[in-house]
Amino acid sequence: AASSQSTATLSDDEYQYWGQGTQIT
């Protein structure tokens, strides 16, 4: 995830851009 807000920390709603996800088993 990536954010355009310098204050983004630990909450996922602070991040605007997301990858598609990759499975780890």
mmCIF file of all heavy atoms, coordinates in Angstrom:
data_MODEL
# 
_entry.id   MODEL 
# 
loop_
_atom_site.group_PDB 
_atom_site.id 
_atom_site.type_symbol 
_atom_site.label_atom_id 
_atom_site.label_alt_id 
_atom_site.label_comp_id 
_atom_site.label_asym_id 
_atom_site.label_entity_id 
_atom_site.label_seq_id 
_atom_site.pdbx_PDB_ins_code 
_atom_site.Cartn_x 
_atom_site.Cartn_y 
_atom_site.Cartn_z 
_atom_site.occupancy 
_atom_site.B_iso_or_equiv 
_atom_site.pdbx_formal_charge 
_atom_site.auth_seq_id 
_atom_site.auth_comp_id 
_atom_site.auth_asym_id 
_atom_site.auth_atom_id 
_atom_site.pdbx_PDB_model_num 
ATOM 1   N N   . ALA A 1 1  ? 0.837  -1.186  0.000  1.00 0.00 ? 1  ALA A N   1 
ATOM 2   C CA  . ALA A 1 1  ? 0.000  0.000   0.000  1.00 0.00 ? 1  ALA A CA  1 
ATOM 3   C C   . ALA A 1 1  ? 0.873  1.237   0.000  1.00 0.00 ? 1  ALA A C   1 
ATOM 4   O O   . ALA A 1 1  ? 1.988  1.233   0.523  1.00 0.00 ? 1  ALA A O   1 
ATOM 5   C CB  . ALA A 1 1  ? -0.925 0.001   1.212  1.00 0.00 ? 1  ALA A CB  1 
ATOM 6   N N   . ALA A 1 2  ? 0.329  2.306   -0.559 1.00 0.00 ? 2  ALA A N   1 
ATOM 7   C CA  . ALA A 1 2  ? 1.048  3.569   -0.597 1.00 0.00 ? 2  ALA A CA  1 
ATOM 8   C C   . ALA A 1 2  ? 0.077  4.709   -0.292 1.00 0.00 ? 2  ALA A C   1 
ATOM 9   O O   . ALA A 1 2  ? -1.115 4.620   -0.596 1.00 0.00 ? 2  ALA A O   1 
ATOM 10  C CB  . ALA A 1 2  ? 1.690  3.789   -1.961 1.00 0.00 ? 2  ALA A CB  1 
ATOM 11  N N   . SER A 1 3  ? 0.610  5.747   0.309  1.00 0.00 ? 3  SER A N   1 
ATOM 12  C CA  . SER A 1 3  ? -0.223 6.889   0.679  1.00 0.00 ? 3  SER A CA  1 
ATOM 13  C C   . SER A 1 3  ? 0.385  8.179   0.168  1.00 0.00 ? 3  SER A C   1 
ATOM 14  O O   . SER A 1 3  ? 1.606  8.316   0.089  1.00 0.00 ? 3  SER A O   1 
ATOM 15  C CB  . SER A 1 3  ? -0.350 6.962   2.210  1.00 0.00 ? 3  SER A CB  1 
ATOM 16  O OG  . SER A 1 3  ? -1.105 8.088   2.591  1.00 0.00 ? 3  SER A OG  1 
ATOM 17  N N   . SER A 1 4  ? -0.468 9.134   -0.162 1.00 0.00 ? 4  SER A N   1 
ATOM 18  C CA  . SER A 1 4  ? -0.009 10.471  -0.536 1.00 0.00 ? 4  SER A CA  1 
ATOM 19  C C   . SER A 1 4  ? -0.039 11.408  0.670  1.00 0.00 ? 4  SER A C   1 
ATOM 20  O O   . SER A 1 4  ? 0.231  12.599  0.540  1.00 0.00 ? 4  SER A O   1 
ATOM 21  C CB  . SER A 1 4  ? -0.867 11.037  -1.661 1.00 0.00 ? 4  SER A CB  1 
ATOM 22  O OG  . SER A 1 4  ? -2.224 11.098  -1.249 1.00 0.00 ? 4  SER A OG  1 
ATOM 23  N N   . GLN A 1 5  ? -0.362 10.863  1.828  1.00 0.00 ? 5  GLN A N   1 
ATOM 24  C CA  . GLN A 1 5  ? -0.419 11.646  3.060  1.00 0.00 ? 5  GLN A CA  1 
ATOM 25  C C   . GLN A 1 5  ? 0.787  11.295  3.906  1.00 0.00 ? 5  GLN A C   1 
ATOM 26  O O   . GLN A 1 5  ? 0.958  10.149  4.303  1.00 0.00 ? 5  GLN A O   1 
ATOM 27  C CB  . GLN A 1 5  ? -1.697 11.327  3.830  1.00 0.00 ? 5  GLN A CB  1 
ATOM 28  C CG  . GLN A 1 5  ? -2.969 11.542  3.025  1.00 0.00 ? 5  GLN A CG  1 
ATOM 29  C CD  . GLN A 1 5  ? -4.171 10.947  3.739  1.00 0.00 ? 5  GLN A CD  1 
ATOM 30  O OE1 . GLN A 1 5  ? -4.114 10.635  4.922  1.00 0.00 ? 5  GLN A OE1 1 
ATOM 31  N NE2 . GLN A 1 5  ? -5.259 10.779  3.011  1.00 0.00 ? 5  GLN A NE2 1 
ATOM 32  N N   . SER A 1 6  ? 1.582  12.286  4.234  1.00 0.00 ? 6  SER A N   1 
ATOM 33  C CA  . SER A 1 6  ? 2.799  12.023  5.001  1.00 0.00 ? 6  SER A CA  1 
ATOM 34  C C   . SER A 1 6  ? 2.495  11.521  6.404  1.00 0.00 ? 6  SER A C   1 
ATOM 35  O O   . SER A 1 6  ? 3.355  10.934  7.053  1.00 0.00 ? 6  SER A O   1 
ATOM 36  C CB  . SER A 1 6  ? 3.650  13.283  5.083  1.00 0.00 ? 6  SER A CB  1 
ATOM 37  O OG  . SER A 1 6  ? 2.931  14.322  5.732  1.00 0.00 ? 6  SER A OG  1 
ATOM 38  N N   . THR A 1 7  ? 1.261  11.731  6.861  1.00 0.00 ? 7  THR A N   1 
ATOM 39  C CA  . THR A 1 7  ? 0.903  11.315  8.217  1.00 0.00 ? 7  THR A CA  1 
ATOM 40  C C   . THR A 1 7  ? 0.363  9.895   8.295  1.00 0.00 ? 7  THR A C   1 
ATOM 41  O O   . THR A 1 7  ? 0.044  9.414   9.376  1.00 0.00 ? 7  THR A O   1 
ATOM 42  C CB  . THR A 1 7  ? -0.161 12.266  8.790  1.00 0.00 ? 7  THR A CB  1 
ATOM 43  O OG1 . THR A 1 7  ? -1.282 12.311  7.883  1.00 0.00 ? 7  THR A OG1 1 
ATOM 44  C CG2 . THR A 1 7  ? 0.400  13.668  8.943  1.00 0.00 ? 7  THR A CG2 1 
ATOM 45  N N   . ALA A 1 8  ? 0.236  9.221   7.172  1.00 0.00 ? 8  ALA A N   1 
ATOM 46  C CA  . ALA A 1 8  ? -0.313 7.854   7.187  1.00 0.00 ? 8  ALA A CA  1 
ATOM 47  C C   . ALA A 1 8  ? 0.571  6.954   8.029  1.00 0.00 ? 8  ALA A C   1 
ATOM 48  O O   . ALA A 1 8  ? 1.799  6.951   7.893  1.00 0.00 ? 8  ALA A O   1 
ATOM 49  C CB  . ALA A 1 8  ? -0.414 7.320   5.778  1.00 0.00 ? 8  ALA A CB  1 
ATOM 50  N N   . THR A 1 9  ? -0.061 6.174   8.883  1.00 0.00 ? 9  THR A N   1 
ATOM 51  C CA  . THR A 1 9  ? 0.720  5.317   9.782  1.00 0.00 ? 9  THR A CA  1 
ATOM 52  C C   . THR A 1 9  ? 0.284  3.867   9.673  1.00 0.00 ? 9  THR A C   1 
ATOM 53  O O   . THR A 1 9  ? 0.686  3.158   8.760  1.00 0.00 ? 9  THR A O   1 
ATOM 54  C CB  . THR A 1 9  ? 0.603  5.825   11.228 1.00 0.00 ? 9  THR A CB  1 
ATOM 55  O OG1 . THR A 1 9  ? -0.783 5.926   11.587 1.00 0.00 ? 9  THR A OG1 1 
ATOM 56  C CG2 . THR A 1 9  ? 1.291  7.168   11.383 1.00 0.00 ? 9  THR A CG2 1 
ATOM 57  N N   . LEU A 1 10 ? -0.577 3.417   10.613 1.00 0.00 ? 10 LEU A N   1 
ATOM 58  C CA  . LEU A 1 10 ? -0.854 1.992   10.722 1.00 0.00 ? 10 LEU A CA  1 
ATOM 59  C C   . LEU A 1 10 ? -2.232 1.574   10.242 1.00 0.00 ? 10 LEU A C   1 
ATOM 60  O O   . LEU A 1 10 ? -2.509 0.381   10.158 1.00 0.00 ? 10 LEU A O   1 
ATOM 61  C CB  . LEU A 1 10 ? -0.701 1.563   12.190 1.00 0.00 ? 10 LEU A CB  1 
ATOM 62  C CG  . LEU A 1 10 ? 0.557  2.030   12.915 1.00 0.00 ? 10 LEU A CG  1 
ATOM 63  C CD1 . LEU A 1 10 ? 0.565  1.492   14.328 1.00 0.00 ? 10 LEU A CD1 1 
ATOM 64  C CD2 . LEU A 1 10 ? 1.798  1.603   12.163 1.00 0.00 ? 10 LEU A CD2 1 
ATOM 65  N N   . SER A 1 11 ? -3.085 2.520   9.940  1.00 0.00 ? 11 SER A N   1 
ATOM 66  C CA  . SER A 1 11 ? -4.463 2.201   9.576  1.00 0.00 ? 11 SER A CA  1 
ATOM 67  C C   . SER A 1 11 ? -4.608 2.093   8.072  1.00 0.00 ? 11 SER A C   1 
ATOM 68  O O   . SER A 1 11 ? -4.131 2.959   7.331  1.00 0.00 ? 11 SER A O   1 
ATOM 69  C CB  . SER A 1 11 ? -5.396 3.289   10.110 1.00 0.00 ? 11 SER A CB  1 
ATOM 70  O OG  . SER A 1 11 ? -6.723 3.034   9.711  1.00 0.00 ? 11 SER A OG  1 
ATOM 71  N N   . ASP A 1 12 ? -5.285 1.043   7.618  1.00 0.00 ? 12 ASP A N   1 
ATOM 72  C CA  . ASP A 1 12 ? -5.372 0.853   6.177  1.00 0.00 ? 12 ASP A CA  1 
ATOM 73  C C   . ASP A 1 12 ? -6.196 1.932   5.488  1.00 0.00 ? 12 ASP A C   1 
ATOM 74  O O   . ASP A 1 12 ? -6.005 2.171   4.282  1.00 0.00 ? 12 ASP A O   1 
ATOM 75  C CB  . ASP A 1 12 ? -5.909 -0.542  5.838  1.00 0.00 ? 12 ASP A CB  1 
ATOM 76  C CG  . ASP A 1 12 ? -7.280 -0.830  6.412  1.00 0.00 ? 12 ASP A CG  1 
ATOM 77  O OD1 . ASP A 1 12 ? -7.859 0.047   7.085  1.00 0.00 ? 12 ASP A OD1 1 
ATOM 78  O OD2 . ASP A 1 12 ? -7.779 -1.951  6.209  1.00 0.00 ? 12 ASP A OD2 1 
ATOM 79  N N   . ASP A 1 13 ? -7.077 2.596   6.190  1.00 0.00 ? 13 ASP A N   1 
ATOM 80  C CA  . ASP A 1 13 ? -7.867 3.638   5.528  1.00 0.00 ? 13 ASP A CA  1 
ATOM 81  C C   . ASP A 1 13 ? -7.070 4.915   5.271  1.00 0.00 ? 13 ASP A C   1 
ATOM 82  O O   . ASP A 1 13 ? -7.590 5.865   4.678  1.00 0.00 ? 13 ASP A O   1 
ATOM 83  C CB  . ASP A 1 13 ? -9.150 3.940   6.307  1.00 0.00 ? 13 ASP A CB  1 
ATOM 84  C CG  . ASP A 1 13 ? -8.893 4.431   7.711  1.00 0.00 ? 13 ASP A CG  1 
ATOM 85  O OD1 . ASP A 1 13 ? -7.727 4.695   8.055  1.00 0.00 ? 13 ASP A OD1 1 
ATOM 86  O OD2 . ASP A 1 13 ? -9.869 4.548   8.477  1.00 0.00 ? 13 ASP A OD2 1 
ATOM 87  N N   . GLU A 1 14 ? -5.812 4.940   5.701  1.00 0.00 ? 14 GLU A N   1 
ATOM 88  C CA  . GLU A 1 14 ? -4.940 6.080   5.417  1.00 0.00 ? 14 GLU A CA  1 
ATOM 89  C C   . GLU A 1 14 ? -4.165 5.901   4.116  1.00 0.00 ? 14 GLU A C   1 
ATOM 90  O O   . GLU A 1 14 ? -3.409 6.778   3.724  1.00 0.00 ? 14 GLU A O   1 
ATOM 91  C CB  . GLU A 1 14 ? -3.957 6.266   6.559  1.00 0.00 ? 14 GLU A CB  1 
ATOM 92  C CG  . GLU A 1 14 ? -4.621 6.623   7.887  1.00 0.00 ? 14 GLU A CG  1 
ATOM 93  C CD  . GLU A 1 14 ? -3.610 6.721   9.019  1.00 0.00 ? 14 GLU A CD  1 
ATOM 94  O OE1 . GLU A 1 14 ? -2.951 5.697   9.308  1.00 0.00 ? 14 GLU A OE1 1 
ATOM 95  O OE2 . GLU A 1 14 ? -3.479 7.807   9.600  1.00 0.00 ? 14 GLU A OE2 1 
ATOM 96  N N   . TYR A 1 15 ? -4.340 4.752   3.462  1.00 0.00 ? 15 TYR A N   1 
ATOM 97  C CA  . TYR A 1 15 ? -3.591 4.451   2.247  1.00 0.00 ? 15 TYR A CA  1 
ATOM 98  C C   . TYR A 1 15 ? -4.543 4.423   1.055  1.00 0.00 ? 15 TYR A C   1 
ATOM 99  O O   . TYR A 1 15 ? -5.591 3.778   1.096  1.00 0.00 ? 15 TYR A O   1 
ATOM 100 C CB  . TYR A 1 15 ? -2.862 3.110   2.405  1.00 0.00 ? 15 TYR A CB  1 
ATOM 101 C CG  . TYR A 1 15 ? -1.753 3.185   3.426  1.00 0.00 ? 15 TYR A CG  1 
ATOM 102 C CD1 . TYR A 1 15 ? -2.030 3.087   4.791  1.00 0.00 ? 15 TYR A CD1 1 
ATOM 103 C CD2 . TYR A 1 15 ? -0.431 3.406   3.037  1.00 0.00 ? 15 TYR A CD2 1 
ATOM 104 C CE1 . TYR A 1 15 ? -1.016 3.218   5.736  1.00 0.00 ? 15 TYR A CE1 1 
ATOM 105 C CE2 . TYR A 1 15 ? 0.583  3.519   3.974  1.00 0.00 ? 15 TYR A CE2 1 
ATOM 106 C CZ  . TYR A 1 15 ? 0.279  3.427   5.325  1.00 0.00 ? 15 TYR A CZ  1 
ATOM 107 O OH  . TYR A 1 15 ? 1.283  3.554   6.249  1.00 0.00 ? 15 TYR A OH  1 
ATOM 108 N N   . GLN A 1 16 ? -4.162 5.150   0.006  1.00 0.00 ? 16 GLN A N   1 
ATOM 109 C CA  . GLN A 1 16 ? -5.047 5.322   -1.146 1.00 0.00 ? 16 GLN A CA  1 
ATOM 110 C C   . GLN A 1 16 ? -4.768 4.324   -2.267 1.00 0.00 ? 16 GLN A C   1 
ATOM 111 O O   . GLN A 1 16 ? -5.623 4.098   -3.105 1.00 0.00 ? 16 GLN A O   1 
ATOM 112 C CB  . GLN A 1 16 ? -4.911 6.737   -1.718 1.00 0.00 ? 16 GLN A CB  1 
ATOM 113 C CG  . GLN A 1 16 ? -5.355 7.848   -0.783 1.00 0.00 ? 16 GLN A CG  1 
ATOM 114 C CD  . GLN A 1 16 ? -4.300 8.191   0.237  1.00 0.00 ? 16 GLN A CD  1 
ATOM 115 O OE1 . GLN A 1 16 ? -3.108 8.193   -0.062 1.00 0.00 ? 16 GLN A OE1 1 
ATOM 116 N NE2 . GLN A 1 16 ? -4.715 8.451   1.465  1.00 0.00 ? 16 GLN A NE2 1 
ATOM 117 N N   . TYR A 1 17 ? -3.581 3.801   -2.300 1.00 0.00 ? 17 TYR A N   1 
ATOM 118 C CA  . TYR A 1 17 ? -3.178 2.941   -3.414 1.00 0.00 ? 17 TYR A CA  1 
ATOM 119 C C   . TYR A 1 17 ? -2.833 1.555   -2.876 1.00 0.00 ? 17 TYR A C   1 
ATOM 120 O O   . TYR A 1 17 ? -2.092 1.434   -1.891 1.00 0.00 ? 17 TYR A O   1 
ATOM 121 C CB  . TYR A 1 17 ? -1.976 3.546   -4.141 1.00 0.00 ? 17 TYR A CB  1 
ATOM 122 C CG  . TYR A 1 17 ? -2.191 4.989   -4.524 1.00 0.00 ? 17 TYR A CG  1 
ATOM 123 C CD1 . TYR A 1 17 ? -1.571 6.013   -3.820 1.00 0.00 ? 17 TYR A CD1 1 
ATOM 124 C CD2 . TYR A 1 17 ? -3.018 5.330   -5.588 1.00 0.00 ? 17 TYR A CD2 1 
ATOM 125 C CE1 . TYR A 1 17 ? -1.773 7.332   -4.155 1.00 0.00 ? 17 TYR A CE1 1 
ATOM 126 C CE2 . TYR A 1 17 ? -3.229 6.655   -5.941 1.00 0.00 ? 17 TYR A CE2 1 
ATOM 127 C CZ  . TYR A 1 17 ? -2.601 7.646   -5.218 1.00 0.00 ? 17 TYR A CZ  1 
ATOM 128 O OH  . TYR A 1 17 ? -2.806 8.957   -5.550 1.00 0.00 ? 17 TYR A OH  1 
ATOM 129 N N   . TRP A 1 18 ? -3.326 0.537   -3.582 1.00 0.00 ? 18 TRP A N   1 
ATOM 130 C CA  . TRP A 1 18 ? -3.168 -0.842  -3.122 1.00 0.00 ? 18 TRP A CA  1 
ATOM 131 C C   . TRP A 1 18 ? -2.756 -1.763  -4.251 1.00 0.00 ? 18 TRP A C   1 
ATOM 132 O O   . TRP A 1 18 ? -3.191 -1.594  -5.397 1.00 0.00 ? 18 TRP A O   1 
ATOM 133 C CB  . TRP A 1 18 ? -4.483 -1.349  -2.528 1.00 0.00 ? 18 TRP A CB  1 
ATOM 134 C CG  . TRP A 1 18 ? -4.828 -0.670  -1.251 1.00 0.00 ? 18 TRP A CG  1 
ATOM 135 C CD1 . TRP A 1 18 ? -5.488 0.513   -1.096 1.00 0.00 ? 18 TRP A CD1 1 
ATOM 136 C CD2 . TRP A 1 18 ? -4.492 -1.116  0.077  1.00 0.00 ? 18 TRP A CD2 1 
ATOM 137 N NE1 . TRP A 1 18 ? -5.588 0.824   0.238  1.00 0.00 ? 18 TRP A NE1 1 
ATOM 138 C CE2 . TRP A 1 18 ? -4.995 -0.155  0.975  1.00 0.00 ? 18 TRP A CE2 1 
ATOM 139 C CE3 . TRP A 1 18 ? -3.824 -2.231  0.577  1.00 0.00 ? 18 TRP A CE3 1 
ATOM 140 C CZ2 . TRP A 1 18 ? -4.844 -0.277  2.362  1.00 0.00 ? 18 TRP A CZ2 1 
ATOM 141 C CZ3 . TRP A 1 18 ? -3.688 -2.354  1.945  1.00 0.00 ? 18 TRP A CZ3 1 
ATOM 142 C CH2 . TRP A 1 18 ? -4.184 -1.384  2.821  1.00 0.00 ? 18 TRP A CH2 1 
ATOM 143 N N   . GLY A 1 19 ? -1.917 -2.732  -3.912 1.00 0.00 ? 19 GLY A N   1 
ATOM 144 C CA  . GLY A 1 19 ? -1.615 -3.795  -4.839 1.00 0.00 ? 19 GLY A CA  1 
ATOM 145 C C   . GLY A 1 19 ? -2.767 -4.781  -4.896 1.00 0.00 ? 19 GLY A C   1 
ATOM 146 O O   . GLY A 1 19 ? -3.732 -4.699  -4.136 1.00 0.00 ? 19 GLY A O   1 
ATOM 147 N N   . GLN A 1 20 ? -2.628 -5.758  -5.786 1.00 0.00 ? 20 GLN A N   1 
ATOM 148 C CA  . GLN A 1 20 ? -3.712 -6.726  -6.000 1.00 0.00 ? 20 GLN A CA  1 
ATOM 149 C C   . GLN A 1 20 ? -3.741 -7.798  -4.925 1.00 0.00 ? 20 GLN A C   1 
ATOM 150 O O   . GLN A 1 20 ? -4.720 -8.545  -4.821 1.00 0.00 ? 20 GLN A O   1 
ATOM 151 C CB  . GLN A 1 20 ? -3.559 -7.371  -7.396 1.00 0.00 ? 20 GLN A CB  1 
ATOM 152 C CG  . GLN A 1 20 ? -2.504 -8.455  -7.490 1.00 0.00 ? 20 GLN A CG  1 
ATOM 153 C CD  . GLN A 1 20 ? -1.081 -7.926  -7.675 1.00 0.00 ? 20 GLN A CD  1 
ATOM 154 O OE1 . GLN A 1 20 ? -0.806 -6.730  -7.486 1.00 0.00 ? 20 GLN A OE1 1 
ATOM 155 N NE2 . GLN A 1 20 ? -0.170 -8.826  -8.028 1.00 0.00 ? 20 GLN A NE2 1 
ATOM 156 N N   . GLY A 1 21 ? -2.678 -7.903  -4.145 1.00 0.00 ? 21 GLY A N   1 
ATOM 157 C CA  . GLY A 1 21 ? -2.609 -8.927  -3.105 1.00 0.00 ? 21 GLY A CA  1 
ATOM 158 C C   . GLY A 1 21 ? -1.925 -10.179 -3.615 1.00 0.00 ? 21 GLY A C   1 
ATOM 159 O O   . GLY A 1 21 ? -2.065 -10.551 -4.780 1.00 0.00 ? 21 GLY A O   1 
ATOM 160 N N   . THR A 1 22 ? -1.171 -10.812 -2.731 1.00 0.00 ? 22 THR A N   1 
ATOM 161 C CA  . THR A 1 22 ? -0.507 -12.059 -3.079 1.00 0.00 ? 22 THR A CA  1 
ATOM 162 C C   . THR A 1 22 ? -0.631 -13.027 -1.904 1.00 0.00 ? 22 THR A C   1 
ATOM 163 O O   . THR A 1 22 ? -0.457 -12.641 -0.749 1.00 0.00 ? 22 THR A O   1 
ATOM 164 C CB  . THR A 1 22 ? 0.971  -11.815 -3.466 1.00 0.00 ? 22 THR A CB  1 
ATOM 165 O OG1 . THR A 1 22 ? 1.554  -13.024 -3.936 1.00 0.00 ? 22 THR A OG1 1 
ATOM 166 C CG2 . THR A 1 22 ? 1.782  -11.297 -2.289 1.00 0.00 ? 22 THR A CG2 1 
ATOM 167 N N   . GLN A 1 23 ? -0.937 -14.284 -2.200 1.00 0.00 ? 23 GLN A N   1 
ATOM 168 C CA  . GLN A 1 23 ? -1.198 -15.273 -1.170 1.00 0.00 ? 23 GLN A CA  1 
ATOM 169 C C   . GLN A 1 23 ? 0.100  -15.864 -0.636 1.00 0.00 ? 23 GLN A C   1 
ATOM 170 O O   . GLN A 1 23 ? 0.956  -16.297 -1.412 1.00 0.00 ? 23 GLN A O   1 
ATOM 171 C CB  . GLN A 1 23 ? -2.077 -16.400 -1.707 1.00 0.00 ? 23 GLN A CB  1 
ATOM 172 C CG  . GLN A 1 23 ? -2.340 -17.535 -0.733 1.00 0.00 ? 23 GLN A CG  1 
ATOM 173 C CD  . GLN A 1 23 ? -3.255 -17.129 0.410  1.00 0.00 ? 23 GLN A CD  1 
ATOM 174 O OE1 . GLN A 1 23 ? -4.303 -16.517 0.173  1.00 0.00 ? 23 GLN A OE1 1 
ATOM 175 N NE2 . GLN A 1 23 ? -2.884 -17.482 1.641  1.00 0.00 ? 23 GLN A NE2 1 
ATOM 176 N N   . ILE A 1 24 ? 0.211  -15.886 0.688  1.00 0.00 ? 24 ILE A N   1 
ATOM 177 C CA  . ILE A 1 24 ? 1.292  -16.585 1.372  1.00 0.00 ? 24 ILE A CA  1 
ATOM 178 C C   . ILE A 1 24 ? 0.661  -17.689 2.214  1.00 0.00 ? 24 ILE A C   1 
ATOM 179 O O   . ILE A 1 24 ? -0.216 -17.421 3.030  1.00 0.00 ? 24 ILE A O   1 
ATOM 180 C CB  . ILE A 1 24 ? 2.089  -15.655 2.303  1.00 0.00 ? 24 ILE A CB  1 
ATOM 181 C CG1 . ILE A 1 24 ? 2.680  -14.484 1.526  1.00 0.00 ? 24 ILE A CG1 1 
ATOM 182 C CG2 . ILE A 1 24 ? 3.168  -16.431 3.044  1.00 0.00 ? 24 ILE A CG2 1 
ATOM 183 C CD1 . ILE A 1 24 ? 3.764  -14.900 0.568  1.00 0.00 ? 24 ILE A CD1 1 
ATOM 184 N N   . THR A 1 25 ? 1.105  -18.915 1.993  1.00 0.00 ? 25 THR A N   1 
ATOM 185 C CA  . THR A 1 25 ? 0.625  -20.036 2.780  1.00 0.00 ? 25 THR A CA  1 
ATOM 186 C C   . THR A 1 25 ? 1.818  -20.723 3.433  1.00 0.00 ? 25 THR A C   1 
ATOM 187 O O   . THR A 1 25 ? 2.752  -21.130 2.732  1.00 0.00 ? 25 THR A O   1 
ATOM 188 C CB  . THR A 1 25 ? -0.147 -21.051 1.919  1.00 0.00 ? 25 THR A CB  1 
ATOM 189 O OG1 . THR A 1 25 ? -1.247 -20.385 1.283  1.00 0.00 ? 25 THR A OG1 1 
ATOM 190 C CG2 . THR A 1 25 ? -0.669 -22.196 2.775  1.00 0.00 ? 25 THR A CG2 1 
# 
